[in-house]
Amino acid sequence: MNIKFYNKVWLWVVIVLGVVIGLISKERPTEKMTISQEQAVQNESVKKKEVVEPVKEESQKIYKEVALGEAKTYIQLTVRGTIIPEYIQPRFNALSKHVDKITDEERGLFSQLAEAVKSDNLGEAKRLYITLGGEDFEELNKEPEPKKNPSKKATKQQLNPGSIGMDVEEFRKAFNSAAKKMNIDMKLEEIKVEKGSGQDIFTYQLRDSVFLQGVINKTDGSIRTVYMAGAGNGRLQAGQDLLSTMKLLILLNNPDFTDMDIEIVLQDVGLKYDDVDINKINQSTERSGRKYTLVNTKLVGICFIVSDSKDQILWSILNEVMGIENGK
């Protein structure tokens, strides 16, 4: 996927074709004219239908792909033995949001898939994933390994292992303020926090294919790390949404940054103005005690991670649970 970094205004030009037929006379319209008008209305109706139906089909396809992607992530982590309780509920929530938008005959099967994930029923999740045409992957044909709980590493420290310096509400306000400053049409409403045994977590869907997820320290409610996850799917708008979210995450942590400052950070994590192989990217940079990492993962797609630059335990967890290596 190619991502460009200049803010552009994409104008969709809608050309309205109309035929104004009037007779300046007192005579009644002929039958021939009436038939022509009816035919014009029918043609216009057909055109509108041809435009609307492909858009609906494309949306349904995207909802299904994202839902299957969430199920795939659950299956992979469970088979590897690295699934943790705090991770199952967010996957179920994200999956359910897309299942609710599916309107065709497969909705029932997708609902069953969501319930299988929620109840941690690996066998049923695999069966439904295959039935619904999910792509093959290594863990699909493997037996699960004994479960691990990498989050226990963090409990060795009495103090917070790391923080980006704000709680959930402060993050929400900072995000919205940054969006307003950059004139980006994104806004966070109420963020619901899910309680976990080790740390709390939140998941927020910004767009159909863009999610924010945060890990919260129980001791004081501060956000330990927040990351954006999503997939461009080759669509222009999806790519723009990913880029806009990255810019906002940078700005909300650095309110005094200019547009150029933000662009430099993006370049430092591997996004150049030339062609970028996003599939191989894994780079990090630091600014004012924050670490910004851009990495493309097999599990959740493109990830842009904001963390405390001193939080090394976080990276051992991300590597063990999600296969994300510490970017260089």
Protein backbone atom coordinates (compact mmCIF):
# COMPACT_ATOMS: atom_id res chain seq x y z
CA MET A 1 0.00 0.00 0.00
CA ASN A 2 1.31 3.46 -0.91
CA ILE A 3 0.68 6.16 1.68
CA LYS A 4 1.28 9.83 0.90
CA PHE A 5 1.70 12.48 3.47
CA TYR A 6 0.42 15.72 2.11
CA ASN A 7 -2.98 16.81 3.39
CA LYS A 8 -5.18 16.89 0.30
CA VAL A 9 -8.78 17.73 -0.17
CA TRP A 10 -10.37 15.12 -2.40
CA LEU A 11 -13.28 16.64 -4.21
CA TRP A 12 -15.87 14.27 -5.59
CA VAL A 13 -17.51 16.05 -8.48
CA VAL A 14 -21.11 15.04 -8.91
CA ILE A 15 -22.39 15.81 -12.43
CA VAL A 16 -26.12 16.14 -12.50
CA LEU A 17 -27.58 15.47 -15.92
CA GLY A 18 -31.07 16.79 -16.40
CA VAL A 19 -33.24 17.27 -19.40
CA VAL A 20 -35.74 20.10 -19.06
CA ILE A 21 -38.52 19.65 -21.52
CA GLY A 22 -41.18 22.27 -21.65
CA LEU A 23 -43.72 23.30 -24.16
CA ILE A 24 -44.70 26.93 -24.18
CA SER A 25 -48.21 26.34 -25.32
CA LYS A 26 -51.63 25.56 -23.96
CA GLU A 27 -51.69 22.17 -25.69
CA ARG A 28 -51.58 19.03 -23.55
CA PRO A 29 -48.44 16.86 -23.80
CA THR A 30 -48.61 14.15 -26.40
CA GLU A 31 -48.58 10.46 -25.47
CA LYS A 32 -45.15 10.14 -27.08
CA MET A 33 -43.73 12.73 -24.71
CA THR A 34 -45.31 11.00 -21.70
CA ILE A 35 -43.75 7.67 -22.66
CA SER A 36 -40.35 9.32 -23.09
CA GLN A 37 -40.58 10.90 -19.66
CA GLU A 38 -41.54 7.58 -18.07
CA GLN A 39 -38.62 5.89 -19.81
CA ALA A 40 -36.25 8.58 -18.54
CA VAL A 41 -37.44 8.05 -14.97
CA GLN A 42 -37.01 4.29 -15.32
CA ASN A 43 -33.51 4.71 -16.73
CA GLU A 44 -32.56 7.03 -13.87
CA SER A 45 -33.92 4.53 -11.34
CA VAL A 46 -31.87 1.73 -12.91
CA LYS A 47 -28.73 3.88 -12.80
CA LYS A 48 -29.23 4.66 -9.11
CA LYS A 49 -29.77 0.99 -8.35
CA GLU A 50 -26.58 0.05 -10.24
CA VAL A 51 -24.63 2.56 -8.13
CA VAL A 52 -26.12 1.63 -4.75
CA GLU A 53 -25.97 -2.16 -4.98
CA PRO A 54 -22.19 -2.50 -5.57
CA VAL A 55 -21.52 -0.12 -2.67
CA LYS A 56 -23.68 -2.27 -0.39
CA GLU A 57 -21.98 -5.46 -1.58
CA GLU A 58 -18.55 -3.95 -0.97
CA SER A 59 -19.52 -2.91 2.58
CA GLN A 60 -20.84 -6.38 3.38
CA LYS A 61 -17.61 -7.91 2.08
CA ILE A 62 -15.53 -5.60 4.28
CA TYR A 63 -17.60 -6.38 7.39
CA LYS A 64 -17.11 -10.10 6.80
CA GLU A 65 -13.37 -9.77 6.15
CA VAL A 66 -12.83 -7.81 9.37
CA ALA A 67 -14.96 -10.26 11.38
CA LEU A 68 -12.99 -13.21 10.01
CA GLY A 69 -9.77 -11.34 10.77
CA GLU A 70 -10.76 -10.95 14.42
CA ALA A 71 -11.62 -14.66 14.61
CA LYS A 72 -8.30 -15.53 12.98
CA THR A 73 -6.42 -13.50 15.61
CA TYR A 74 -8.27 -15.31 18.40
CA ILE A 75 -7.49 -18.72 16.89
CA GLN A 76 -3.81 -17.92 16.37
CA LEU A 77 -3.26 -16.63 19.90
CA THR A 78 -5.19 -19.51 21.46
CA VAL A 79 -3.29 -22.18 19.53
CA ARG A 80 0.01 -20.53 20.45
CA GLY A 81 -0.99 -20.55 24.10
CA THR A 82 -0.54 -16.79 24.44
CA ILE A 83 -4.18 -15.73 24.70
CA ILE A 84 -5.03 -13.80 27.87
CA PRO A 85 -8.49 -13.11 29.35
CA GLU A 86 -8.11 -9.37 28.76
CA TYR A 87 -7.71 -10.02 25.03
CA ILE A 88 -10.75 -12.24 24.43
CA GLN A 89 -13.44 -9.66 25.27
CA PRO A 90 -12.05 -6.92 22.96
CA ARG A 91 -11.85 -9.44 20.09
CA PHE A 92 -15.47 -10.44 20.74
CA ASN A 93 -16.57 -6.79 20.90
CA ALA A 94 -14.82 -5.90 17.65
CA LEU A 95 -16.18 -9.02 15.94
CA SER A 96 -19.73 -8.37 17.14
CA LYS A 97 -19.75 -4.78 15.86
CA HIS A 98 -19.17 -6.04 12.33
CA VAL A 99 -21.50 -9.02 12.65
CA ASP A 100 -24.29 -6.57 13.56
CA LYS A 101 -23.77 -4.89 10.17
CA ILE A 102 -24.01 -8.11 8.16
CA THR A 103 -27.48 -8.38 6.64
CA ASP A 104 -27.37 -11.42 4.34
CA GLU A 105 -27.99 -15.10 5.02
CA GLU A 106 -24.55 -15.63 6.62
CA ARG A 107 -25.29 -13.37 9.57
CA GLY A 108 -26.43 -16.30 11.70
CA LEU A 109 -23.17 -18.18 11.22
CA PHE A 110 -21.14 -15.05 11.97
CA SER A 111 -23.14 -14.56 15.17
CA GLN A 112 -22.30 -18.13 16.19
CA LEU A 113 -18.64 -17.40 15.43
CA ALA A 114 -18.72 -14.37 17.73
CA GLU A 115 -20.25 -16.44 20.53
CA ALA A 116 -17.59 -19.12 20.06
CA VAL A 117 -14.89 -16.49 20.53
CA LYS A 118 -16.65 -15.02 23.57
CA SER A 119 -16.94 -18.42 25.25
CA ASP A 120 -13.35 -19.32 24.29
CA ASN A 121 -14.55 -22.34 22.29
CA LEU A 122 -11.59 -22.90 19.97
CA GLY A 123 -12.97 -25.97 18.19
CA GLU A 124 -16.26 -24.29 17.29
CA ALA A 125 -14.49 -21.08 16.26
CA LYS A 126 -12.26 -23.06 13.89
CA ARG A 127 -15.22 -24.94 12.39
CA LEU A 128 -17.24 -21.78 11.74
CA TYR A 129 -14.20 -19.89 10.44
CA ILE A 130 -13.63 -22.61 7.82
CA THR A 131 -17.35 -22.84 6.98
CA LEU A 132 -17.45 -19.08 6.33
CA GLY A 133 -14.55 -19.29 3.90
CA GLY A 134 -11.76 -17.92 6.07
CA GLU A 135 -8.28 -18.12 4.55
CA ASP A 136 -6.00 -20.96 5.60
CA PHE A 137 -3.15 -20.30 8.06
CA GLU A 138 -0.69 -22.39 10.06
CA GLU A 139 -2.47 -22.45 13.43
CA LEU A 140 -5.78 -23.50 11.90
CA ASN A 141 -4.58 -27.10 11.63
CA LYS A 142 -2.67 -27.28 14.92
CA GLU A 143 -3.61 -28.35 18.42
CA PRO A 144 -3.41 -25.61 21.10
CA GLU A 145 -0.36 -25.31 23.32
CA PRO A 146 -0.68 -24.87 27.12
CA LYS A 147 -1.79 -21.32 27.91
CA LYS A 148 0.73 -18.81 29.16
CA ASN A 149 0.08 -15.53 30.92
CA PRO A 150 2.83 -13.10 29.95
CA SER A 151 1.11 -10.29 31.83
CA LYS A 152 2.45 -11.79 35.09
CA LYS A 153 5.85 -10.33 34.24
CA ALA A 154 4.49 -6.88 34.89
CA THR A 155 3.27 -7.75 38.38
CA LYS A 156 6.86 -8.00 39.60
CA GLN A 157 6.97 -4.22 39.71
CA GLN A 158 5.10 -2.37 42.45
CA LEU A 159 5.02 0.91 40.54
CA ASN A 160 3.48 1.47 37.12
CA PRO A 161 5.76 -0.13 34.53
CA GLY A 162 5.08 2.74 32.12
CA SER A 163 2.63 5.49 31.22
CA ILE A 164 1.99 7.98 28.43
CA GLY A 165 1.05 10.56 31.05
CA MET A 166 -2.74 10.72 30.80
CA ASP A 167 -5.82 8.81 31.85
CA VAL A 168 -8.64 7.69 29.55
CA GLU A 169 -10.70 10.89 29.77
CA GLU A 170 -7.63 13.08 29.29
CA PHE A 171 -6.72 10.97 26.26
CA ARG A 172 -10.22 11.36 24.79
CA LYS A 173 -10.14 15.14 25.18
CA ALA A 174 -6.59 15.40 23.82
CA PHE A 175 -7.54 13.30 20.78
CA ASN A 176 -10.59 15.44 20.00
CA SER A 177 -8.59 18.63 20.50
CA ALA A 178 -5.91 17.39 18.10
CA ALA A 179 -8.55 16.42 15.52
CA LYS A 180 -10.09 19.88 15.72
CA LYS A 181 -6.68 21.54 15.38
CA MET A 182 -5.82 19.48 12.30
CA ASN A 183 -9.34 19.73 10.86
CA ILE A 184 -9.66 15.93 10.75
CA ASP A 185 -13.18 14.51 10.89
CA MET A 186 -12.65 12.13 13.81
CA LYS A 187 -14.06 12.30 17.31
CA LEU A 188 -13.99 10.03 20.34
CA GLU A 189 -17.21 9.71 22.29
CA GLU A 190 -17.39 7.84 25.60
CA ILE A 191 -14.62 5.26 25.96
CA LYS A 192 -15.70 2.13 27.81
CA VAL A 193 -13.02 0.49 29.94
CA GLU A 194 -13.05 -3.28 30.39
CA LYS A 195 -11.69 -4.60 33.68
CA GLY A 196 -8.91 -7.17 33.58
CA SER A 197 -7.08 -9.26 36.13
CA GLY A 198 -3.72 -7.63 35.47
CA GLN A 199 -4.49 -4.37 33.72
CA ASP A 200 -7.62 -2.81 32.27
CA ILE A 201 -8.15 -2.26 28.57
CA PHE A 202 -10.28 -0.27 26.14
CA THR A 203 -11.11 -0.81 22.49
CA TYR A 204 -12.63 1.92 20.33
CA GLN A 205 -13.69 1.59 16.70
CA LEU A 206 -12.89 4.77 14.78
CA ARG A 207 -13.75 3.52 11.31
CA ASP A 208 -14.81 0.21 9.76
CA SER A 209 -11.18 -0.90 9.54
CA VAL A 210 -9.47 1.30 12.16
CA PHE A 211 -9.40 0.56 15.90
CA LEU A 212 -7.77 2.14 18.93
CA GLN A 213 -6.81 -0.03 21.86
CA GLY A 214 -5.33 1.08 25.15
CA VAL A 215 -3.82 -0.71 28.15
CA ILE A 216 -4.54 0.98 31.49
CA ASN A 217 -2.58 0.78 34.74
CA LYS A 218 -4.83 -0.29 37.63
CA THR A 219 -2.83 1.63 40.24
CA ASP A 220 -3.75 5.12 39.01
CA GLY A 221 -5.82 4.73 35.83
CA SER A 222 -3.08 6.08 33.57
CA ILE A 223 -2.75 4.72 30.04
CA ARG A 224 0.28 2.50 29.73
CA THR A 225 0.17 2.27 25.96
CA VAL A 226 -2.25 3.00 23.15
CA TYR A 227 -2.09 1.68 19.64
CA MET A 228 -3.94 1.95 16.38
CA ALA A 229 -4.66 -1.24 14.46
CA GLY A 230 -6.16 -1.46 11.01
CA ALA A 231 -5.92 -2.48 7.40
CA GLY A 232 -5.93 -0.30 4.31
CA ASN A 233 -7.55 -2.93 2.04
CA GLY A 234 -6.20 -1.00 -0.94
CA ARG A 235 -8.92 1.62 -0.54
CA LEU A 236 -7.97 5.30 -0.60
CA GLN A 237 -10.24 6.31 2.29
CA ALA A 238 -8.98 3.48 4.50
CA GLY A 239 -5.38 4.57 3.91
CA GLN A 240 -6.26 8.17 4.71
CA ASP A 241 -7.99 7.09 7.95
CA LEU A 242 -4.90 5.17 9.07
CA LEU A 243 -2.62 8.10 8.33
CA SER A 244 -4.92 10.63 10.01
CA THR A 245 -5.10 8.50 13.17
CA MET A 246 -1.31 8.25 13.34
CA LYS A 247 -0.99 12.02 13.04
CA LEU A 248 -3.50 12.57 15.84
CA LEU A 249 -1.73 10.13 18.17
CA ILE A 250 1.50 12.05 17.61
CA LEU A 251 -0.06 15.48 18.08
CA LEU A 252 -2.02 14.64 21.24
CA ASN A 253 1.24 13.63 22.89
CA ASN A 254 3.02 16.71 21.54
CA PRO A 255 0.47 19.58 21.43
CA ASP A 256 3.11 22.10 20.30
CA PHE A 257 4.13 20.10 17.22
CA THR A 258 3.76 21.69 13.80
CA ASP A 259 2.64 19.79 10.72
CA MET A 260 6.31 19.47 9.74
CA ASP A 261 7.21 18.02 13.16
CA ILE A 262 4.53 15.37 12.69
CA GLU A 263 5.74 14.54 9.18
CA ILE A 264 9.29 14.06 10.49
CA VAL A 265 8.08 11.57 13.11
CA LEU A 266 6.21 9.66 10.40
CA GLN A 267 9.34 9.57 8.27
CA ASP A 268 11.39 8.34 11.24
CA VAL A 269 9.07 5.35 11.71
CA GLY A 270 9.53 4.40 8.07
CA LEU A 271 6.92 6.31 6.11
CA LYS A 272 8.70 8.17 3.33
CA TYR A 273 7.34 10.26 0.52
CA ASP A 274 8.51 7.62 -1.95
CA ASP A 275 7.02 4.15 -2.31
CA VAL A 276 6.90 2.24 0.98
CA ASP A 277 6.72 -1.52 1.44
CA ILE A 278 4.29 -1.41 4.33
CA ASN A 279 4.36 -5.22 4.60
CA LYS A 280 7.96 -5.20 5.90
CA ILE A 281 7.90 -2.08 8.03
CA ASN A 282 9.00 -2.18 11.69
CA GLN A 283 10.62 1.03 12.89
CA SER A 284 10.57 3.19 16.01
CA THR A 285 11.50 6.71 17.05
CA GLU A 286 11.37 8.61 20.33
CA ARG A 287 10.17 12.09 21.23
CA SER A 288 9.93 13.58 24.75
CA GLY A 289 9.81 10.26 26.58
CA ARG A 290 7.38 8.64 24.14
CA LYS A 291 8.18 5.83 21.77
CA TYR A 292 6.36 5.64 18.42
CA THR A 293 6.49 2.35 16.54
CA LEU A 294 4.99 1.43 13.17
CA VAL A 295 4.84 -2.28 12.39
CA ASN A 296 2.81 -4.51 10.12
CA THR A 297 1.73 -7.71 11.89
CA LYS A 298 0.15 -10.89 10.60
CA LEU A 299 -2.36 -10.87 13.44
CA VAL A 300 -3.88 -7.39 13.45
CA GLY A 301 -2.47 -5.70 10.35
CA ILE A 302 -0.85 -2.28 10.59
CA CYS A 303 -0.06 -1.17 14.16
CA PHE A 304 1.04 2.28 15.28
CA ILE A 305 2.06 2.02 18.93
CA VAL A 306 2.59 4.87 21.40
CA SER A 307 4.32 3.84 24.62
CA ASP A 308 6.58 5.01 27.43
CA SER A 309 10.12 4.94 26.01
CA LYS A 310 11.38 3.28 29.23
CA ASP A 311 8.76 0.52 29.33
CA GLN A 312 10.74 -2.54 28.25
CA ILE A 313 8.38 -5.06 29.86
CA LEU A 314 5.61 -3.92 27.52
CA TRP A 315 7.63 -5.03 24.51
CA SER A 316 8.26 -8.49 25.88
CA ILE A 317 4.48 -8.84 26.32
CA LEU A 318 3.68 -7.52 22.83
CA ASN A 319 6.22 -9.89 21.35
CA GLU A 320 4.89 -12.91 23.23
CA VAL A 321 1.19 -12.20 22.78
CA MET A 322 1.04 -10.59 19.34
CA GLY A 323 4.38 -11.41 17.74
CA ILE A 324 5.40 -7.73 17.64
CA GLU A 325 9.12 -7.14 17.91
CA ASN A 326 10.67 -4.00 19.38
CA GLY A 327 11.12 -1.69 16.40
CA LYS A 328 14.56 -0.26 15.73
